[in-house]
Amino acid sequence: MLKTFLFSSTLLFVLIVSGCAYEAQYIFYKTGVSEQLKERALRHCHGDFKVLQEEDFGPYTRARLECRE
């Protein structure tokens, strides 16, 4: 009984810490410079990403990203 409880608690803790629920992230880049977007998104996400939305802020654009594993 105690072993089952400890195993379940440990598993739940690992799932929470590993971040199963993933929120979208934002990055800023200079408007029209797609290479800067790719560079910053790769650095931020440590790999593959998807741009969900872009919004202009003067000479910069804010991109909402979904980082993929």
N, C-alpha and C. Protein backbone atom coordinates (compact mmCIF):
# COMPACT_ATOMS: atom_id res chain seq x y z
N MET A 1 0.83 -1.19 0.00
CA MET A 1 0.00 0.00 0.00
C MET A 1 0.88 1.27 0.00
N LEU A 2 1.85 1.30 0.88
CA LEU A 2 2.73 2.46 0.98
C LEU A 2 3.59 2.60 -0.27
N LYS A 3 4.05 1.47 -0.81
CA LYS A 3 4.86 1.50 -2.04
C LYS A 3 4.05 2.04 -3.20
N THR A 4 2.80 1.63 -3.31
CA THR A 4 1.92 2.11 -4.39
C THR A 4 1.70 3.61 -4.26
N PHE A 5 1.48 4.09 -3.04
CA PHE A 5 1.28 5.52 -2.82
C PHE A 5 2.53 6.32 -3.19
N LEU A 6 3.69 5.84 -2.77
CA LEU A 6 4.94 6.53 -3.08
C LEU A 6 5.20 6.54 -4.58
N PHE A 7 4.95 5.43 -5.23
CA PHE A 7 5.14 5.36 -6.69
C PHE A 7 4.20 6.33 -7.40
N SER A 8 2.93 6.35 -7.01
CA SER A 8 1.95 7.25 -7.63
C SER A 8 2.32 8.71 -7.40
N SER A 9 2.74 9.02 -6.18
CA SER A 9 3.12 10.40 -5.86
C SER A 9 4.35 10.83 -6.65
N THR A 10 5.32 9.94 -6.76
CA THR A 10 6.53 10.24 -7.52
C THR A 10 6.21 10.44 -8.99
N LEU A 11 5.39 9.59 -9.55
CA LEU A 11 5.00 9.70 -10.95
C LEU A 11 4.26 11.01 -11.22
N LEU A 12 3.35 11.37 -10.35
CA LEU A 12 2.62 12.63 -10.50
C LEU A 12 3.57 13.83 -10.42
N PHE A 13 4.51 13.80 -9.50
CA PHE A 13 5.49 14.87 -9.36
C PHE A 13 6.32 15.01 -10.63
N VAL A 14 6.77 13.91 -11.21
CA VAL A 14 7.58 13.94 -12.42
C VAL A 14 6.78 14.51 -13.59
N LEU A 15 5.51 14.14 -13.70
CA LEU A 15 4.67 14.67 -14.77
C LEU A 15 4.46 16.17 -14.64
N ILE A 16 4.27 16.64 -13.43
CA ILE A 16 4.08 18.08 -13.21
C ILE A 16 5.36 18.85 -13.51
N VAL A 17 6.48 18.36 -13.04
CA VAL A 17 7.75 19.05 -13.22
C VAL A 17 8.18 19.05 -14.69
N SER A 18 7.91 17.97 -15.40
CA SER A 18 8.34 17.88 -16.79
C SER A 18 7.55 18.80 -17.70
N GLY A 19 6.43 19.30 -17.24
CA GLY A 19 5.68 20.28 -18.01
C GLY A 19 4.82 19.69 -19.10
N CYS A 20 3.94 18.81 -18.76
CA CYS A 20 3.04 18.22 -19.76
C CYS A 20 2.12 19.27 -20.35
N ALA A 21 1.64 20.18 -19.54
CA ALA A 21 0.81 21.28 -20.05
C ALA A 21 1.75 22.37 -20.53
N TYR A 22 1.71 22.63 -21.82
CA TYR A 22 2.67 23.54 -22.44
C TYR A 22 1.96 24.81 -22.89
N GLU A 23 2.41 25.97 -22.44
CA GLU A 23 1.83 27.23 -22.85
C GLU A 23 2.63 27.83 -23.99
N ALA A 24 1.96 28.60 -24.80
CA ALA A 24 2.63 29.26 -25.92
C ALA A 24 3.58 30.33 -25.38
N GLN A 25 4.66 30.57 -26.10
CA GLN A 25 5.67 31.54 -25.72
C GLN A 25 5.70 32.67 -26.75
N TYR A 26 6.20 33.84 -26.35
CA TYR A 26 6.29 34.98 -27.24
C TYR A 26 7.75 35.37 -27.45
N ILE A 27 8.07 35.79 -28.66
CA ILE A 27 9.38 36.37 -28.95
C ILE A 27 9.16 37.59 -29.83
N PHE A 28 10.10 38.53 -29.77
CA PHE A 28 10.08 39.72 -30.62
C PHE A 28 11.20 39.63 -31.63
N TYR A 29 10.93 40.12 -32.83
CA TYR A 29 11.95 40.19 -33.87
C TYR A 29 11.65 41.39 -34.76
N LYS A 30 12.66 41.84 -35.49
CA LYS A 30 12.51 43.00 -36.37
C LYS A 30 11.59 42.63 -37.53
N THR A 31 10.57 43.44 -37.77
CA THR A 31 9.59 43.17 -38.81
C THR A 31 10.25 42.98 -40.17
N GLY A 32 9.91 41.89 -40.84
CA GLY A 32 10.44 41.62 -42.16
C GLY A 32 11.72 40.81 -42.18
N VAL A 33 12.31 40.53 -41.02
CA VAL A 33 13.56 39.78 -40.96
C VAL A 33 13.23 38.36 -40.48
N SER A 34 12.86 37.50 -41.43
CA SER A 34 12.42 36.16 -41.06
C SER A 34 13.56 35.30 -40.50
N GLU A 35 14.79 35.60 -40.90
CA GLU A 35 15.93 34.84 -40.35
C GLU A 35 16.07 35.10 -38.85
N GLN A 36 15.79 36.32 -38.43
CA GLN A 36 15.87 36.65 -37.01
C GLN A 36 14.77 35.90 -36.24
N LEU A 37 13.60 35.79 -36.83
CA LEU A 37 12.52 35.02 -36.21
C LEU A 37 12.94 33.56 -36.03
N LYS A 38 13.47 32.95 -37.09
CA LYS A 38 13.88 31.55 -37.02
C LYS A 38 14.98 31.34 -35.98
N GLU A 39 15.96 32.23 -35.98
CA GLU A 39 17.09 32.12 -35.05
C GLU A 39 16.62 32.21 -33.61
N ARG A 40 15.78 33.21 -33.31
CA ARG A 40 15.32 33.40 -31.94
C ARG A 40 14.35 32.30 -31.51
N ALA A 41 13.51 31.83 -32.42
CA ALA A 41 12.57 30.77 -32.08
C ALA A 41 13.31 29.47 -31.82
N LEU A 42 14.32 29.16 -32.62
CA LEU A 42 15.10 27.94 -32.40
C LEU A 42 15.84 28.00 -31.07
N ARG A 43 16.39 29.16 -30.76
CA ARG A 43 17.11 29.32 -29.50
C ARG A 43 16.15 29.21 -28.31
N HIS A 44 14.97 29.80 -28.46
CA HIS A 44 13.99 29.79 -27.37
C HIS A 44 13.38 28.41 -27.16
N CYS A 45 13.06 27.73 -28.25
CA CYS A 45 12.37 26.44 -28.16
C CYS A 45 13.31 25.25 -28.13
N HIS A 46 14.58 25.47 -28.37
CA HIS A 46 15.57 24.39 -28.41
C HIS A 46 15.21 23.36 -29.47
N GLY A 47 14.69 23.81 -30.59
CA GLY A 47 14.35 22.87 -31.66
C GLY A 47 13.13 23.34 -32.44
N ASP A 48 12.26 22.40 -32.75
CA ASP A 48 11.12 22.65 -33.62
C ASP A 48 10.09 23.58 -32.96
N PHE A 49 9.42 24.39 -33.78
CA PHE A 49 8.43 25.33 -33.28
C PHE A 49 7.38 25.58 -34.36
N LYS A 50 6.27 26.18 -33.94
CA LYS A 50 5.21 26.58 -34.85
C LYS A 50 4.78 27.99 -34.47
N VAL A 51 4.68 28.88 -35.46
CA VAL A 51 4.22 30.25 -35.21
C VAL A 51 2.70 30.23 -35.22
N LEU A 52 2.09 30.61 -34.10
CA LEU A 52 0.64 30.60 -33.98
C LEU A 52 0.01 31.92 -34.39
N GLN A 53 0.72 33.02 -34.10
CA GLN A 53 0.15 34.34 -34.36
C GLN A 53 1.28 35.36 -34.40
N GLU A 54 1.12 36.39 -35.23
CA GLU A 54 2.07 37.49 -35.28
C GLU A 54 1.31 38.80 -35.11
N GLU A 55 1.93 39.74 -34.36
CA GLU A 55 1.31 41.03 -34.09
C GLU A 55 2.38 42.11 -34.18
N ASP A 56 2.08 43.19 -34.91
CA ASP A 56 3.05 44.27 -35.11
C ASP A 56 3.10 45.21 -33.92
N PHE A 57 4.34 45.58 -33.55
CA PHE A 57 4.61 46.57 -32.51
C PHE A 57 5.64 47.53 -33.06
N GLY A 58 5.20 48.50 -33.85
CA GLY A 58 6.11 49.46 -34.46
C GLY A 58 7.06 48.75 -35.42
N PRO A 59 8.38 48.93 -35.23
CA PRO A 59 9.34 48.29 -36.14
C PRO A 59 9.58 46.80 -35.81
N TYR A 60 8.90 46.29 -34.78
CA TYR A 60 9.09 44.91 -34.36
C TYR A 60 7.78 44.12 -34.48
N THR A 61 7.90 42.83 -34.50
CA THR A 61 6.76 41.93 -34.55
C THR A 61 6.87 40.96 -33.39
N ARG A 62 5.74 40.72 -32.73
CA ARG A 62 5.69 39.73 -31.66
C ARG A 62 5.07 38.46 -32.23
N ALA A 63 5.81 37.36 -32.11
CA ALA A 63 5.33 36.08 -32.60
C ALA A 63 4.98 35.19 -31.42
N ARG A 64 3.81 34.61 -31.48
CA ARG A 64 3.39 33.64 -30.47
C ARG A 64 3.78 32.26 -30.98
N LEU A 65 4.59 31.55 -30.20
CA LEU A 65 5.14 30.27 -30.63
C LEU A 65 4.57 29.12 -29.83
N GLU A 66 4.53 27.98 -30.49
CA GLU A 66 4.27 26.72 -29.81
C GLU A 66 5.52 25.87 -30.00
N CYS A 67 6.22 25.65 -28.92
CA CYS A 67 7.44 24.83 -28.99
C CYS A 67 7.04 23.36 -29.05
N ARG A 68 7.71 22.64 -29.95
CA ARG A 68 7.45 21.22 -30.10
C ARG A 68 8.65 20.43 -29.64
N GLU A 69 8.41 19.22 -29.25
CA GLU A 69 9.51 18.37 -28.76
C GLU A 69 10.18 17.66 -29.89
